[in-house]
Amino acid sequence: MLEQMSQKDNQLIFGRNAVLEAIKAGTAVDKLFVAPTERKGSLGRIISMAKEAGIPVKDVTVQKLDAMTGNQAHQGVAATIAAAAYASMEEIWESARKKGEKLFLIVADEIEDPHNLGALIRTAECCGAHGIVVPKRRSAGLSPTVYKSSAGAVSHFPVVRVSNLVSFVDEMKDKGVWFYCADMDGQTWCQTDFGGHVALVIGSEGSGVGRLLKEKCDFTVSLPMQGRINSLNASVAGGVLMYEIARQRLAIQAR
């Protein structure tokens, strides 16, 4: 029997048999939570299978699992299930090819607030982007909160998870994709040419785009800041830049 419960941000399954069967069935598991108990037998098998499937494994205390599961019998393991399935880059490329368009990709670097990620997905879908890429670690997953914040856009918009964004950039550059980092001290957003295959990299409000990832980008683009606060919400900044890319692609001229 599958033991499952709803929480504010996630769908949880817990108990060794439930989690094991979910992984075996190829369920879109966001993260595995494991308490520091004996890790041989079925629990060791669960951890091994999760790692093979690329599922992040997080060590937590028994008390944490108790709180997550409402003090039910979790047997030292729980997992969060994505509200929607993840896609592959092949699917995103195919979507662009079918439309006869250059690739328009969003890369979300460590955006952990599910509301912000959902808002980014919603705007990206509306402005004609082909997909969004998120890291497996230190990022919000496709939780019910992300689904709701995207106004259901997750159902129509491909989201890809990768193990390492820096390596991903290298791989995409080999395929002719240009990377544009949204950050301070860059060229003006409306004077930047977004022609060709475009990947727009958006970082978290707290730390912005990571240093190594920023160094890998081809361009840095900035929005003018006239107030006392020197940063915008990630989804707001991303929205402005995404629609500039859409404007250029639609050849809309300002009067």
Protein backbone atom coordinates (compact mmCIF):
# COMPACT_ATOMS: atom_id res chain seq x y z
CA MET A 1 0.00 0.00 0.00
CA LEU A 2 1.31 3.43 -0.96
CA GLU A 3 1.55 5.77 2.00
CA GLN A 4 1.13 9.35 0.83
CA MET A 5 0.28 12.70 2.33
CA SER A 6 0.00 16.32 1.24
CA GLN A 7 2.08 19.10 2.68
CA LYS A 8 2.14 22.80 1.90
CA ASP A 9 4.76 22.57 -0.84
CA ASN A 10 5.12 18.89 -1.65
CA GLN A 11 3.52 15.53 -2.13
CA LEU A 12 5.28 13.12 0.21
CA ILE A 13 5.55 9.38 0.11
CA PHE A 14 7.18 7.55 2.98
CA GLY A 15 7.97 4.06 4.14
CA ARG A 16 10.54 1.84 2.48
CA ASN A 17 8.20 -0.16 0.24
CA ALA A 18 6.33 2.93 -0.96
CA VAL A 19 9.50 4.84 -1.83
CA LEU A 20 11.19 1.82 -3.40
CA GLU A 21 8.23 1.11 -5.67
CA ALA A 22 7.96 4.76 -6.70
CA ILE A 23 11.59 4.82 -7.80
CA LYS A 24 11.26 1.48 -9.58
CA ALA A 25 8.18 2.75 -11.41
CA GLY A 26 10.04 5.80 -12.69
CA THR A 27 7.91 8.25 -10.73
CA ALA A 28 9.18 11.85 -10.96
CA VAL A 29 10.81 11.98 -7.52
CA ASP A 30 12.21 15.40 -6.60
CA LYS A 31 14.25 14.49 -3.54
CA LEU A 32 14.91 11.59 -1.17
CA PHE A 33 15.11 12.23 2.60
CA VAL A 34 16.97 9.66 4.68
CA ALA A 35 17.46 9.49 8.46
CA PRO A 36 20.82 8.30 9.89
CA THR A 37 19.67 4.74 10.57
CA GLU A 38 21.08 1.39 9.47
CA ARG A 39 21.61 1.71 5.72
CA LYS A 40 21.87 -1.89 4.69
CA GLY A 41 19.12 -3.98 3.13
CA SER A 42 16.16 -2.20 1.58
CA LEU A 43 17.22 1.29 2.68
CA GLY A 44 20.65 0.86 1.12
CA ARG A 45 18.98 -0.32 -2.08
CA ILE A 46 16.69 2.72 -2.10
CA ILE A 47 19.64 5.11 -1.73
CA SER A 48 21.59 3.33 -4.45
CA MET A 49 18.67 3.36 -6.89
CA ALA A 50 17.98 7.03 -6.15
CA LYS A 51 21.56 8.01 -6.93
CA GLU A 52 21.52 5.96 -10.13
CA ALA A 53 18.34 7.79 -11.17
CA GLY A 54 19.91 11.18 -10.43
CA ILE A 55 17.59 11.88 -7.50
CA PRO A 56 19.16 14.18 -4.85
CA VAL A 57 19.55 12.41 -1.50
CA LYS A 58 19.38 14.55 1.65
CA ASP A 59 20.35 13.38 5.14
CA VAL A 60 17.87 14.51 7.78
CA THR A 61 17.21 13.71 11.43
CA VAL A 62 14.57 11.28 12.59
CA GLN A 63 12.83 14.25 14.20
CA LYS A 64 12.69 16.01 10.84
CA LEU A 65 11.10 12.98 9.20
CA ASP A 66 8.65 12.71 12.09
CA ALA A 67 7.60 16.32 11.49
CA MET A 68 7.37 15.86 7.72
CA THR A 69 5.19 12.76 7.99
CA GLY A 70 3.07 13.77 10.96
CA ASN A 71 4.74 11.18 13.23
CA GLN A 72 3.64 8.31 11.02
CA ALA A 73 5.72 5.18 10.40
CA HIS A 74 8.27 6.42 7.85
CA GLN A 75 10.91 3.71 8.46
CA GLY A 76 13.69 6.26 8.05
CA VAL A 77 12.89 7.38 4.53
CA ALA A 78 10.59 9.76 2.65
CA ALA A 79 10.50 11.30 -0.81
CA THR A 80 8.88 14.27 -2.49
CA ILE A 81 7.10 13.70 -5.76
CA ALA A 82 7.05 16.29 -8.52
CA ALA A 83 3.68 17.76 -9.46
CA ALA A 84 4.61 17.32 -13.14
CA ALA A 85 7.13 15.27 -15.09
CA TYR A 86 10.50 16.70 -16.09
CA ALA A 87 11.43 16.95 -19.74
CA SER A 88 14.65 16.44 -21.70
CA MET A 89 16.68 18.91 -23.75
CA GLU A 90 15.92 16.79 -26.81
CA GLU A 91 12.22 17.60 -26.35
CA ILE A 92 12.98 21.32 -26.10
CA TRP A 93 15.15 21.30 -29.23
CA GLU A 94 12.43 19.40 -31.07
CA SER A 95 9.84 21.99 -30.00
CA ALA A 96 11.98 24.81 -31.42
CA ARG A 97 12.59 22.89 -34.65
CA LYS A 98 8.88 22.21 -35.17
CA LYS A 99 8.14 25.91 -34.83
CA GLY A 100 11.00 26.83 -37.12
CA GLU A 101 12.52 29.03 -34.40
CA LYS A 102 15.92 29.60 -32.86
CA LEU A 103 16.18 28.13 -29.36
CA PHE A 104 14.86 30.37 -26.57
CA LEU A 105 15.82 28.87 -23.22
CA ILE A 106 15.67 30.07 -19.61
CA VAL A 107 18.27 28.87 -17.10
CA ALA A 108 17.25 29.34 -13.45
CA ASP A 109 20.31 29.32 -11.20
CA GLU A 110 19.48 28.24 -7.62
CA ILE A 111 16.04 29.81 -7.44
CA GLU A 112 14.78 28.11 -4.30
CA ASP A 113 11.55 30.07 -3.79
CA PRO A 114 8.81 27.97 -5.46
CA HIS A 115 6.68 31.09 -6.04
CA ASN A 116 9.48 32.74 -8.01
CA LEU A 117 10.16 29.63 -10.06
CA GLY A 118 6.46 29.27 -10.82
CA ALA A 119 6.23 32.91 -11.87
CA LEU A 120 9.26 32.52 -14.15
CA ILE A 121 7.73 29.46 -15.80
CA ARG A 122 4.43 31.28 -16.30
CA THR A 123 6.11 34.27 -17.97
CA ALA A 124 8.45 32.10 -20.04
CA GLU A 125 5.52 30.10 -21.41
CA CYS A 126 3.58 33.28 -22.22
CA CYS A 127 6.44 34.97 -24.09
CA GLY A 128 7.28 32.00 -26.30
CA ALA A 129 10.32 30.45 -24.65
CA HIS A 130 10.83 26.78 -25.43
CA GLY A 131 11.78 25.56 -21.94
CA ILE A 132 13.54 26.19 -18.65
CA VAL A 133 16.52 24.44 -17.07
CA VAL A 134 17.03 24.10 -13.30
CA PRO A 135 19.77 22.39 -11.27
CA LYS A 136 18.97 19.24 -9.33
CA ARG A 137 20.37 20.71 -6.12
CA ARG A 138 19.70 24.05 -4.43
CA SER A 139 16.64 24.74 -6.54
CA ALA A 140 12.90 24.52 -6.13
CA GLY A 141 11.47 21.45 -7.82
CA LEU A 142 8.13 20.97 -9.53
CA SER A 143 6.15 21.06 -6.31
CA PRO A 144 2.41 21.82 -6.14
CA THR A 145 3.32 25.38 -5.10
CA VAL A 146 5.37 25.84 -8.28
CA TYR A 147 2.49 24.36 -10.27
CA LYS A 148 -0.01 26.76 -8.71
CA SER A 149 2.29 29.81 -9.01
CA SER A 150 2.77 29.05 -12.71
CA ALA A 151 -1.03 29.17 -13.18
CA GLY A 152 -0.79 25.67 -14.62
CA ALA A 153 1.86 26.61 -17.20
CA VAL A 154 3.97 23.68 -15.97
CA SER A 155 1.49 21.40 -17.74
CA HIS A 156 2.47 22.90 -21.10
CA PHE A 157 6.05 24.04 -20.58
CA PRO A 158 9.11 21.75 -20.51
CA VAL A 159 11.28 21.88 -17.38
CA VAL A 160 14.64 20.12 -17.50
CA ARG A 161 16.81 19.25 -14.48
CA VAL A 162 20.57 18.91 -14.86
CA SER A 163 23.26 17.87 -12.41
CA ASN A 164 25.68 20.69 -13.21
CA LEU A 165 24.77 24.00 -14.87
CA VAL A 166 28.36 24.88 -15.76
CA SER A 167 28.79 21.61 -17.65
CA PHE A 168 25.41 22.14 -19.25
CA VAL A 169 26.54 25.53 -20.59
CA ASP A 170 29.62 23.95 -22.18
CA GLU A 171 27.46 21.31 -23.82
CA MET A 172 24.99 23.85 -25.20
CA LYS A 173 27.72 26.17 -26.45
CA ASP A 174 28.98 23.34 -28.60
CA LYS A 175 25.53 23.39 -30.21
CA GLY A 176 25.67 27.10 -30.98
CA VAL A 177 23.73 28.51 -28.03
CA TRP A 178 24.64 31.98 -26.72
CA PHE A 179 24.32 32.57 -22.97
CA TYR A 180 23.14 35.88 -21.52
CA CYS A 181 23.60 36.43 -17.79
CA ALA A 182 21.15 38.78 -16.05
CA ASP A 183 23.29 40.68 -13.56
CA MET A 184 24.63 44.08 -12.55
CA ASP A 185 27.24 46.02 -14.55
CA GLY A 186 26.31 44.55 -17.92
CA GLN A 187 25.26 46.03 -21.23
CA THR A 188 21.83 47.65 -21.42
CA TRP A 189 19.08 45.10 -21.94
CA CYS A 190 17.36 46.99 -24.79
CA GLN A 191 20.61 47.54 -26.68
CA THR A 192 21.57 43.88 -26.65
CA ASP A 193 21.15 41.70 -29.72
CA PHE A 194 19.35 38.48 -28.74
CA GLY A 195 19.63 36.90 -32.16
CA GLY A 196 20.54 33.25 -32.63
CA HIS A 197 19.99 30.47 -30.13
CA VAL A 198 19.49 32.25 -26.78
CA ALA A 199 19.76 31.03 -23.18
CA LEU A 200 18.88 33.64 -20.55
CA VAL A 201 20.46 32.90 -17.15
CA ILE A 202 18.60 34.25 -14.11
CA GLY A 203 19.96 33.94 -10.58
CA SER A 204 18.43 34.13 -7.12
CA GLU A 205 17.66 37.46 -5.47
CA GLY A 206 20.12 36.79 -2.66
CA SER A 207 23.31 35.86 -4.49
CA GLY A 208 22.48 36.33 -8.16
CA VAL A 209 24.08 34.12 -10.79
CA GLY A 210 26.92 32.00 -9.44
CA ARG A 211 30.46 33.16 -10.24
CA LEU A 212 31.52 30.15 -12.31
CA LEU A 213 28.29 30.17 -14.27
CA LYS A 214 28.54 33.91 -14.90
CA GLU A 215 32.09 33.50 -16.22
CA LYS A 216 30.83 30.91 -18.68
CA CYS A 217 28.21 33.27 -20.12
CA ASP A 218 28.89 35.16 -23.34
CA PHE A 219 27.19 38.39 -22.29
CA THR A 220 25.94 40.13 -19.16
CA VAL A 221 22.76 42.20 -19.49
CA SER A 222 21.42 44.68 -16.96
CA LEU A 223 18.31 46.68 -16.18
CA PRO A 224 18.60 50.30 -15.00
CA MET A 225 18.19 50.71 -11.24
CA GLN A 226 17.06 54.20 -10.22
CA GLY A 227 15.88 53.56 -6.68
CA ARG A 228 17.59 52.87 -3.37
CA ILE A 229 17.09 49.12 -3.66
CA ASN A 230 19.66 47.59 -5.99
CA SER A 231 17.95 44.35 -6.97
CA LEU A 232 14.69 43.15 -8.49
CA ASN A 233 12.68 40.05 -7.77
CA ALA A 234 14.06 37.28 -10.00
CA SER A 235 10.76 36.68 -11.74
CA VAL A 236 10.25 40.42 -12.40
CA ALA A 237 13.74 40.93 -13.85
CA GLY A 238 13.39 37.75 -15.84
CA GLY A 239 10.04 38.88 -17.21
CA VAL A 240 11.42 42.18 -18.53
CA LEU A 241 14.34 40.46 -20.25
CA MET A 242 12.22 37.64 -21.66
CA TYR A 243 9.85 40.09 -23.28
CA GLU A 244 12.73 42.03 -24.81
CA ILE A 245 13.85 38.77 -26.42
CA ALA A 246 10.25 38.16 -27.57
CA ARG A 247 10.02 41.73 -28.95
CA GLN A 248 13.13 41.25 -31.04
CA ARG A 249 11.98 37.89 -32.33
CA LEU A 250 8.58 39.27 -33.29
CA ALA A 251 10.30 42.28 -34.92
CA ILE A 252 8.12 44.72 -32.96
CA GLN A 253 9.48 48.25 -33.33
CA ALA A 254 9.08 50.94 -30.69
CA ARG A 255 7.49 54.20 -31.90
